[in-house]
């Protein structure tokens, strides 16, 4: 049989705004966790939030060794809350 696959993806800009509102202006526990995780002690503007994500060091498999500088920014190791959805559904391959 022939199969067809369908994927419904959210608008990337809306996902980033949703992540920002969730991590920065949501429940106190979410906000504090995000701030602690990134060494912050204040509320970020949206542009500052994007800068934090762009420079976020990524936890990747050990096979990559100590070369983590090349893995900053958005790629397959990025937190799934702001990683491109195509990375999670096989469309990036």
N, C-alpha and C. Protein backbone atom coordinates (compact mmCIF):
# COMPACT_ATOMS: atom_id res chain seq x y z
N UNK A 1 0.83 -1.20 0.00
CA UNK A 1 0.00 0.00 0.00
C UNK A 1 0.86 1.26 0.00
N UNK A 2 0.31 2.28 -0.56
CA UNK A 2 0.99 3.59 -0.60
C UNK A 2 0.54 4.42 0.59
N UNK A 3 1.50 4.98 1.32
CA UNK A 3 1.21 5.77 2.51
C UNK A 3 1.45 7.25 2.24
N UNK A 4 0.65 8.07 2.84
CA UNK A 4 0.86 9.51 2.79
C UNK A 4 0.96 9.99 4.23
N UNK A 5 1.85 10.91 4.46
CA UNK A 5 2.06 11.44 5.79
C UNK A 5 1.67 12.91 5.82
N UNK A 6 1.08 13.32 6.91
CA UNK A 6 0.68 14.71 7.10
C UNK A 6 1.26 15.18 8.43
N UNK A 7 1.79 16.38 8.41
CA UNK A 7 2.30 16.98 9.64
C UNK A 7 1.74 18.39 9.75
N UNK A 8 1.19 18.71 10.91
CA UNK A 8 0.69 20.05 11.19
C UNK A 8 1.72 20.74 12.07
N UNK A 9 2.29 21.81 11.57
CA UNK A 9 3.33 22.53 12.29
C UNK A 9 2.85 23.92 12.65
N UNK A 10 3.25 24.38 13.82
CA UNK A 10 2.89 25.73 14.26
C UNK A 10 3.83 26.75 13.62
N UNK A 11 3.34 27.96 13.51
CA UNK A 11 4.14 29.05 13.00
C UNK A 11 5.34 29.24 13.93
N UNK A 12 6.57 29.24 13.39
CA UNK A 12 7.77 29.36 14.25
C UNK A 12 7.78 30.63 15.11
N UNK A 13 7.33 31.73 14.57
CA UNK A 13 7.31 32.98 15.35
C UNK A 13 6.33 32.87 16.52
N UNK A 14 5.18 32.26 16.27
CA UNK A 14 4.21 32.07 17.35
C UNK A 14 4.74 31.12 18.41
N UNK A 15 5.48 30.09 18.00
CA UNK A 15 6.07 29.16 18.96
C UNK A 15 7.08 29.86 19.85
N UNK A 16 7.93 30.72 19.24
CA UNK A 16 8.92 31.46 20.03
C UNK A 16 8.24 32.41 21.01
N UNK A 17 7.21 33.10 20.55
CA UNK A 17 6.49 34.00 21.46
C UNK A 17 5.84 33.20 22.59
N UNK A 18 5.27 32.06 22.27
CA UNK A 18 4.66 31.21 23.28
C UNK A 18 5.70 30.73 24.29
N UNK A 19 6.87 30.32 23.80
CA UNK A 19 7.95 29.89 24.70
C UNK A 19 8.39 31.04 25.60
N UNK A 20 8.52 32.24 25.03
CA UNK A 20 8.91 33.41 25.81
C UNK A 20 7.89 33.69 26.92
N UNK A 21 6.63 33.71 26.55
CA UNK A 21 5.59 33.99 27.55
C UNK A 21 5.56 32.90 28.62
N UNK A 22 5.78 31.65 28.21
CA UNK A 22 5.77 30.54 29.15
C UNK A 22 6.97 30.58 30.10
N UNK A 23 8.15 30.84 29.56
CA UNK A 23 9.37 30.78 30.37
C UNK A 23 9.68 32.07 31.12
N UNK A 24 9.14 33.20 30.65
CA UNK A 24 9.48 34.48 31.26
C UNK A 24 8.32 35.11 32.02
N UNK A 25 7.10 34.92 31.55
CA UNK A 25 5.95 35.56 32.19
C UNK A 25 4.91 34.59 32.72
N UNK A 26 5.25 33.33 32.77
CA UNK A 26 4.30 32.31 33.21
C UNK A 26 4.37 32.13 34.72
N UNK A 27 4.08 30.93 35.17
CA UNK A 27 4.13 30.60 36.59
C UNK A 27 5.50 30.94 37.17
N UNK A 28 5.51 31.31 38.41
CA UNK A 28 6.75 31.68 39.08
C UNK A 28 7.78 30.55 39.01
N UNK A 29 7.33 29.30 39.16
CA UNK A 29 8.26 28.17 39.14
C UNK A 29 8.92 28.02 37.77
N UNK A 30 8.14 28.20 36.69
CA UNK A 30 8.71 28.11 35.34
C UNK A 30 9.74 29.22 35.12
N UNK A 31 9.37 30.42 35.51
CA UNK A 31 10.26 31.58 35.34
C UNK A 31 11.55 31.39 36.13
N UNK A 32 11.42 30.99 37.39
CA UNK A 32 12.61 30.80 38.22
C UNK A 32 13.50 29.69 37.69
N UNK A 33 12.90 28.62 37.19
CA UNK A 33 13.69 27.53 36.62
C UNK A 33 14.48 28.01 35.40
N UNK A 34 13.82 28.75 34.51
CA UNK A 34 14.50 29.27 33.32
C UNK A 34 15.62 30.23 33.72
N UNK A 35 15.34 31.12 34.67
CA UNK A 35 16.35 32.08 35.10
C UNK A 35 17.55 31.38 35.73
N UNK A 36 17.29 30.39 36.58
CA UNK A 36 18.37 29.65 37.22
C UNK A 36 19.19 28.87 36.19
N UNK A 37 18.50 28.26 35.25
CA UNK A 37 19.16 27.47 34.20
C UNK A 37 20.11 28.33 33.36
N UNK A 38 19.78 29.60 33.20
CA UNK A 38 20.57 30.48 32.34
C UNK A 38 21.35 31.54 33.12
N UNK A 39 21.39 31.42 34.45
CA UNK A 39 22.16 32.35 35.27
C UNK A 39 21.62 33.76 35.24
N UNK A 40 20.32 33.91 35.22
CA UNK A 40 19.69 35.23 35.14
C UNK A 40 19.05 35.58 36.48
N UNK A 41 18.90 36.88 36.72
CA UNK A 41 18.23 37.30 37.94
C UNK A 41 17.23 38.42 37.68
N UNK A 42 16.77 38.51 36.44
CA UNK A 42 15.80 39.55 36.08
C UNK A 42 14.93 39.06 34.92
N UNK A 43 13.89 39.79 34.66
CA UNK A 43 12.99 39.48 33.55
C UNK A 43 13.60 39.98 32.25
N UNK A 44 13.59 39.13 31.24
CA UNK A 44 14.18 39.47 29.95
C UNK A 44 13.17 40.08 29.00
N UNK A 45 13.64 40.97 28.14
CA UNK A 45 12.82 41.43 27.02
C UNK A 45 12.79 40.29 25.99
N UNK A 46 11.92 40.38 25.02
CA UNK A 46 11.83 39.34 24.00
C UNK A 46 13.15 39.22 23.23
N UNK A 47 13.75 40.36 22.89
CA UNK A 47 15.04 40.33 22.16
C UNK A 47 16.14 39.70 23.00
N UNK A 48 16.16 39.98 24.29
CA UNK A 48 17.15 39.36 25.18
C UNK A 48 16.92 37.86 25.27
N UNK A 49 15.66 37.44 25.31
CA UNK A 49 15.31 36.02 25.33
C UNK A 49 15.86 35.33 24.08
N UNK A 50 15.70 35.96 22.92
CA UNK A 50 16.22 35.39 21.68
C UNK A 50 17.75 35.29 21.72
N UNK A 51 18.40 36.31 22.29
CA UNK A 51 19.86 36.27 22.42
C UNK A 51 20.30 35.11 23.31
N UNK A 52 19.57 34.88 24.40
CA UNK A 52 19.90 33.77 25.30
C UNK A 52 19.77 32.45 24.56
N UNK A 53 18.71 32.29 23.77
CA UNK A 53 18.52 31.04 23.02
C UNK A 53 19.61 30.84 21.97
N UNK A 54 20.00 31.93 21.32
CA UNK A 54 21.02 31.83 20.27
C UNK A 54 22.37 31.42 20.83
N UNK A 55 22.66 31.79 22.06
CA UNK A 55 23.94 31.47 22.67
C UNK A 55 23.89 30.29 23.63
N UNK A 56 22.73 29.67 23.73
CA UNK A 56 22.55 28.58 24.68
C UNK A 56 23.49 27.41 24.38
N UNK A 57 24.32 27.02 25.33
CA UNK A 57 25.13 25.81 25.12
C UNK A 57 24.21 24.60 25.16
N UNK A 58 24.44 23.69 24.26
CA UNK A 58 23.53 22.58 24.08
C UNK A 58 24.06 21.27 24.64
N UNK A 59 23.22 20.56 25.39
CA UNK A 59 23.63 19.23 25.86
C UNK A 59 23.49 18.23 24.73
N UNK A 60 24.60 17.76 24.23
CA UNK A 60 24.58 16.84 23.09
C UNK A 60 25.27 15.54 23.45
N UNK A 61 25.08 14.53 22.65
CA UNK A 61 25.72 13.24 22.92
C UNK A 61 27.24 13.36 23.05
N UNK A 62 27.82 12.49 23.83
CA UNK A 62 29.25 12.56 24.10
C UNK A 62 30.10 12.31 22.86
N UNK A 63 29.53 11.74 21.84
CA UNK A 63 30.32 11.47 20.63
C UNK A 63 30.83 12.77 19.99
N UNK A 64 30.25 13.91 20.39
CA UNK A 64 30.70 15.18 19.85
C UNK A 64 31.91 15.72 20.61
N UNK A 65 32.27 15.06 21.69
CA UNK A 65 33.44 15.46 22.46
C UNK A 65 33.27 16.82 23.10
N UNK A 66 34.35 17.55 23.18
CA UNK A 66 34.35 18.86 23.84
C UNK A 66 34.13 20.01 22.87
N UNK A 67 33.79 19.72 21.65
CA UNK A 67 33.63 20.75 20.63
C UNK A 67 32.22 21.37 20.69
N UNK A 68 31.83 21.89 21.86
CA UNK A 68 30.47 22.41 22.03
C UNK A 68 30.29 23.81 21.46
N UNK A 69 31.38 24.56 21.20
CA UNK A 69 31.23 25.90 20.66
C UNK A 69 30.51 25.89 19.32
N UNK A 70 30.78 24.88 18.52
CA UNK A 70 30.13 24.83 17.21
C UNK A 70 28.67 24.43 17.31
N UNK A 71 28.20 24.06 18.50
CA UNK A 71 26.84 23.60 18.66
C UNK A 71 25.92 24.63 19.30
N UNK A 72 26.38 25.87 19.42
CA UNK A 72 25.51 26.91 19.97
C UNK A 72 24.50 27.33 18.91
N UNK A 73 23.35 27.78 19.38
CA UNK A 73 22.29 28.18 18.46
C UNK A 73 21.26 27.09 18.32
N UNK A 74 20.43 27.19 17.32
CA UNK A 74 19.34 26.25 17.13
C UNK A 74 19.75 25.12 16.20
N UNK A 75 19.72 23.90 16.73
CA UNK A 75 19.95 22.71 15.91
C UNK A 75 19.26 21.53 16.58
N UNK A 76 19.57 20.32 16.21
CA UNK A 76 18.85 19.15 16.73
C UNK A 76 19.03 18.92 18.22
N UNK A 77 20.03 19.55 18.85
CA UNK A 77 20.23 19.40 20.29
C UNK A 77 19.46 20.45 21.10
N UNK A 78 18.87 21.40 20.44
CA UNK A 78 18.17 22.49 21.09
C UNK A 78 16.98 22.00 21.92
N UNK A 79 16.69 22.71 22.99
CA UNK A 79 15.53 22.42 23.82
C UNK A 79 14.30 22.27 22.91
N UNK A 80 13.52 21.21 23.08
CA UNK A 80 12.37 20.98 22.19
C UNK A 80 11.30 22.06 22.25
N UNK A 81 11.32 22.92 23.28
CA UNK A 81 10.34 24.01 23.33
C UNK A 81 10.57 25.04 22.24
N UNK A 82 11.82 25.18 21.77
CA UNK A 82 12.09 26.14 20.71
C UNK A 82 12.88 25.55 19.54
N UNK A 83 13.11 24.27 19.56
CA UNK A 83 13.74 23.60 18.41
C UNK A 83 12.74 23.58 17.25
N UNK A 84 13.22 23.75 16.01
CA UNK A 84 12.30 23.66 14.87
C UNK A 84 11.54 22.33 14.89
N UNK A 85 10.25 22.39 14.65
CA UNK A 85 9.42 21.19 14.71
C UNK A 85 9.83 20.14 13.67
N UNK A 86 10.41 20.60 12.58
CA UNK A 86 10.82 19.64 11.55
C UNK A 86 11.87 18.67 12.07
N UNK A 87 12.62 19.07 13.09
CA UNK A 87 13.63 18.19 13.68
C UNK A 87 12.98 17.04 14.45
N UNK A 88 11.76 17.24 14.93
CA UNK A 88 11.09 16.24 15.75
C UNK A 88 10.21 15.28 14.96
N UNK A 89 9.87 15.65 13.74
CA UNK A 89 8.94 14.81 12.98
C UNK A 89 9.57 14.18 11.75
N UNK A 90 10.89 14.27 11.61
CA UNK A 90 11.57 13.61 10.50
C UNK A 90 11.58 14.38 9.20
N UNK A 91 11.09 15.60 9.17
CA UNK A 91 11.06 16.37 7.92
C UNK A 91 12.39 17.04 7.63
N UNK A 92 13.29 17.06 8.59
CA UNK A 92 14.58 17.72 8.38
C UNK A 92 15.58 16.81 7.71
N UNK A 93 15.25 15.55 7.56
CA UNK A 93 16.20 14.58 7.01
C UNK A 93 16.13 14.52 5.51
